[in-house]
Amino acid sequence: MSPAHLQLWFSQVPAAGVSTITLSKDGKHVEVGKTTITASDKSMTADPAKTLVPGSYVIHWRGAGDDGHVQQGDIAF
C-alpha cells in the first residue's frame, strides 16, 4: 500500500522556512506537496502528489530547531 503522508518527528519543533522533506526513487525526484510543520507533535509532513508505485524510495529531510542548527538525513523505504 502506498503511503498517503510522509511524516517525521523531532525532539524540537522544526523551524519553518528551513525544514523540508523531499522524495526520490532510483535517484529521480518524486513530487511531494509543501512541507507542513506541526508544532504540537514536533513533526513535519509532506504528501506524495501521486500514488507511489512499488519500488525503493528515499526521503531526504532537512531541519533546524530553535537554535538554528541545521541537520539533514535520508530514510530509505
N, C-alpha and C. Protein backbone atom coordinates (compact mmCIF):
# COMPACT_ATOMS: atom_id res chain seq x y z
N MET A 1 0.84 -1.18 0.00
CA MET A 1 0.00 0.00 0.00
C MET A 1 0.89 1.25 0.00
N SER A 2 0.54 2.20 -0.81
CA SER A 2 1.29 3.44 -0.92
C SER A 2 0.97 4.37 0.26
N PRO A 3 2.01 4.97 0.89
CA PRO A 3 1.74 5.90 1.99
C PRO A 3 1.07 7.18 1.48
N ALA A 4 0.11 7.67 2.23
CA ALA A 4 -0.57 8.92 1.86
C ALA A 4 0.19 10.13 2.40
N HIS A 5 1.01 9.92 3.44
CA HIS A 5 1.74 11.01 4.09
C HIS A 5 3.16 10.54 4.40
N LEU A 6 4.10 11.46 4.32
CA LEU A 6 5.45 11.25 4.81
C LEU A 6 5.57 12.15 6.03
N GLN A 7 5.76 11.57 7.22
CA GLN A 7 5.78 12.36 8.45
C GLN A 7 6.98 11.96 9.29
N LEU A 8 7.72 12.97 9.76
CA LEU A 8 8.89 12.77 10.60
C LEU A 8 8.72 13.55 11.89
N TRP A 9 9.16 12.97 13.02
CA TRP A 9 9.04 13.60 14.33
C TRP A 9 10.43 13.93 14.86
N PHE A 10 10.53 15.01 15.62
CA PHE A 10 11.80 15.51 16.12
C PHE A 10 11.70 15.85 17.61
N SER A 11 12.83 16.12 18.24
CA SER A 11 12.84 16.47 19.66
C SER A 11 12.52 17.95 19.88
N GLN A 12 12.60 18.77 18.84
CA GLN A 12 12.21 20.18 18.88
C GLN A 12 11.29 20.44 17.70
N VAL A 13 10.54 21.51 17.77
CA VAL A 13 9.69 21.90 16.65
C VAL A 13 10.58 22.31 15.47
N PRO A 14 10.43 21.70 14.30
CA PRO A 14 11.23 22.09 13.14
C PRO A 14 10.95 23.55 12.75
N ALA A 15 12.00 24.26 12.40
CA ALA A 15 11.88 25.67 12.01
C ALA A 15 11.29 25.79 10.61
N ALA A 16 10.22 26.54 10.50
CA ALA A 16 9.60 26.79 9.19
C ALA A 16 10.58 27.56 8.31
N GLY A 17 10.53 27.31 7.02
CA GLY A 17 11.40 28.00 6.08
C GLY A 17 12.74 27.32 5.89
N VAL A 18 13.13 26.49 6.83
CA VAL A 18 14.40 25.76 6.74
C VAL A 18 14.14 24.27 6.61
N SER A 19 13.09 23.80 7.23
CA SER A 19 12.80 22.38 7.32
C SER A 19 12.00 21.90 6.11
N THR A 20 12.50 20.86 5.45
CA THR A 20 11.86 20.36 4.24
C THR A 20 11.93 18.84 4.16
N ILE A 21 10.99 18.28 3.41
CA ILE A 21 11.00 16.88 3.05
C ILE A 21 10.96 16.80 1.52
N THR A 22 11.88 16.04 0.93
CA THR A 22 11.82 15.73 -0.48
C THR A 22 11.88 14.21 -0.62
N LEU A 23 11.55 13.71 -1.80
CA LEU A 23 11.48 12.27 -2.02
C LEU A 23 12.11 11.93 -3.36
N SER A 24 12.79 10.78 -3.42
CA SER A 24 13.34 10.31 -4.69
C SER A 24 13.13 8.81 -4.82
N LYS A 25 13.13 8.35 -6.07
CA LYS A 25 13.05 6.93 -6.40
C LYS A 25 14.08 6.68 -7.49
N ASP A 26 14.99 5.76 -7.23
CA ASP A 26 16.06 5.46 -8.19
C ASP A 26 16.83 6.71 -8.60
N GLY A 27 17.07 7.59 -7.64
CA GLY A 27 17.83 8.81 -7.88
C GLY A 27 17.07 9.92 -8.59
N LYS A 28 15.79 9.70 -8.87
CA LYS A 28 14.99 10.71 -9.57
C LYS A 28 13.99 11.34 -8.60
N HIS A 29 13.79 12.63 -8.75
CA HIS A 29 12.87 13.39 -7.90
C HIS A 29 11.44 12.87 -8.04
N VAL A 30 10.76 12.72 -6.90
CA VAL A 30 9.35 12.37 -6.87
C VAL A 30 8.60 13.55 -6.26
N GLU A 31 7.58 14.03 -6.92
CA GLU A 31 6.85 15.22 -6.48
C GLU A 31 6.09 14.95 -5.18
N VAL A 32 6.30 15.86 -4.21
CA VAL A 32 5.53 15.86 -2.97
C VAL A 32 5.00 17.27 -2.74
N GLY A 33 3.96 17.37 -1.94
CA GLY A 33 3.40 18.68 -1.61
C GLY A 33 4.30 19.46 -0.68
N LYS A 34 3.86 20.63 -0.35
CA LYS A 34 4.59 21.52 0.56
C LYS A 34 4.79 20.85 1.91
N THR A 35 5.96 21.04 2.49
CA THR A 35 6.24 20.52 3.83
C THR A 35 5.46 21.34 4.86
N THR A 36 4.72 20.65 5.71
CA THR A 36 3.92 21.28 6.75
C THR A 36 4.52 20.98 8.12
N ILE A 37 4.66 22.00 8.94
CA ILE A 37 5.18 21.85 10.30
C ILE A 37 4.00 21.79 11.26
N THR A 38 4.02 20.81 12.18
CA THR A 38 3.01 20.71 13.22
C THR A 38 3.71 20.85 14.57
N ALA A 39 3.56 22.01 15.19
CA ALA A 39 4.27 22.29 16.44
C ALA A 39 3.82 21.39 17.58
N SER A 40 2.54 21.04 17.63
CA SER A 40 2.01 20.27 18.76
C SER A 40 2.67 18.90 18.93
N ASP A 41 3.11 18.28 17.83
CA ASP A 41 3.79 16.99 17.97
C ASP A 41 5.22 17.02 17.42
N LYS A 42 5.75 18.22 17.18
CA LYS A 42 7.13 18.42 16.74
C LYS A 42 7.44 17.60 15.48
N SER A 43 6.56 17.74 14.49
CA SER A 43 6.74 16.95 13.27
C SER A 43 6.67 17.82 12.03
N MET A 44 7.09 17.22 10.92
CA MET A 44 6.86 17.83 9.61
C MET A 44 6.34 16.74 8.69
N THR A 45 5.45 17.15 7.76
CA THR A 45 4.74 16.24 6.89
C THR A 45 4.75 16.76 5.45
N ALA A 46 4.83 15.84 4.51
CA ALA A 46 4.65 16.16 3.09
C ALA A 46 3.88 14.99 2.48
N ASP A 47 2.98 15.29 1.57
CA ASP A 47 2.15 14.26 0.94
C ASP A 47 2.63 14.03 -0.49
N PRO A 48 2.82 12.76 -0.88
CA PRO A 48 3.16 12.48 -2.28
C PRO A 48 2.06 13.02 -3.20
N ALA A 49 2.46 13.60 -4.32
CA ALA A 49 1.49 14.18 -5.27
C ALA A 49 0.66 13.10 -5.95
N LYS A 50 1.23 11.90 -6.11
CA LYS A 50 0.54 10.78 -6.76
C LYS A 50 0.78 9.53 -5.93
N THR A 51 -0.04 8.51 -6.17
CA THR A 51 0.17 7.22 -5.53
C THR A 51 1.55 6.70 -5.92
N LEU A 52 2.30 6.25 -4.93
CA LEU A 52 3.65 5.75 -5.20
C LEU A 52 3.57 4.34 -5.76
N VAL A 53 4.29 4.10 -6.83
CA VAL A 53 4.36 2.76 -7.42
C VAL A 53 5.36 1.93 -6.61
N PRO A 54 5.24 0.61 -6.63
CA PRO A 54 6.19 -0.22 -5.89
C PRO A 54 7.64 0.10 -6.29
N GLY A 55 8.52 0.03 -5.31
CA GLY A 55 9.93 0.29 -5.56
C GLY A 55 10.61 0.78 -4.31
N SER A 56 11.85 1.21 -4.46
CA SER A 56 12.66 1.71 -3.35
C SER A 56 12.72 3.23 -3.40
N TYR A 57 12.39 3.86 -2.29
CA TYR A 57 12.34 5.31 -2.19
C TYR A 57 13.28 5.79 -1.10
N VAL A 58 13.66 7.07 -1.19
CA VAL A 58 14.46 7.71 -0.15
C VAL A 58 13.84 9.05 0.19
N ILE A 59 13.51 9.23 1.47
CA ILE A 59 13.09 10.54 1.98
C ILE A 59 14.35 11.30 2.33
N HIS A 60 14.47 12.50 1.81
CA HIS A 60 15.58 13.40 2.15
C HIS A 60 14.98 14.50 3.02
N TRP A 61 15.49 14.65 4.24
CA TRP A 61 14.94 15.67 5.12
C TRP A 61 16.03 16.64 5.55
N ARG A 62 15.58 17.83 5.81
CA ARG A 62 16.46 18.90 6.29
C ARG A 62 15.67 19.65 7.34
N GLY A 63 16.27 19.93 8.48
CA GLY A 63 15.54 20.63 9.53
C GLY A 63 16.46 21.40 10.45
N ALA A 64 15.85 22.32 11.17
CA ALA A 64 16.57 23.10 12.17
C ALA A 64 15.64 23.33 13.33
N GLY A 65 16.21 23.38 14.52
CA GLY A 65 15.44 23.68 15.72
C GLY A 65 15.54 25.15 16.06
N ASP A 66 15.14 25.49 17.27
CA ASP A 66 15.13 26.90 17.67
C ASP A 66 16.52 27.50 17.79
N ASP A 67 17.58 26.67 17.83
CA ASP A 67 18.93 27.20 17.89
C ASP A 67 19.50 27.49 16.50
N GLY A 68 18.75 27.14 15.44
CA GLY A 68 19.17 27.42 14.07
C GLY A 68 20.14 26.41 13.49
N HIS A 69 20.55 25.42 14.29
CA HIS A 69 21.49 24.40 13.80
C HIS A 69 20.78 23.47 12.82
N VAL A 70 21.28 23.41 11.58
CA VAL A 70 20.65 22.61 10.53
C VAL A 70 21.18 21.18 10.57
N GLN A 71 20.25 20.24 10.53
CA GLN A 71 20.56 18.81 10.42
C GLN A 71 19.90 18.29 9.15
N GLN A 72 20.40 17.20 8.62
CA GLN A 72 19.76 16.60 7.46
C GLN A 72 20.05 15.11 7.47
N GLY A 73 19.25 14.38 6.72
CA GLY A 73 19.44 12.95 6.65
C GLY A 73 18.56 12.31 5.60
N ASP A 74 18.70 11.01 5.46
CA ASP A 74 17.94 10.24 4.49
C ASP A 74 17.33 9.03 5.18
N ILE A 75 16.13 8.66 4.73
CA ILE A 75 15.45 7.47 5.23
C ILE A 75 14.98 6.68 4.02
N ALA A 76 15.49 5.46 3.88
CA ALA A 76 15.09 4.60 2.76
C ALA A 76 13.92 3.72 3.16
N PHE A 77 13.02 3.52 2.21
CA PHE A 77 11.91 2.57 2.44
C PHE A 77 11.49 1.96 1.13
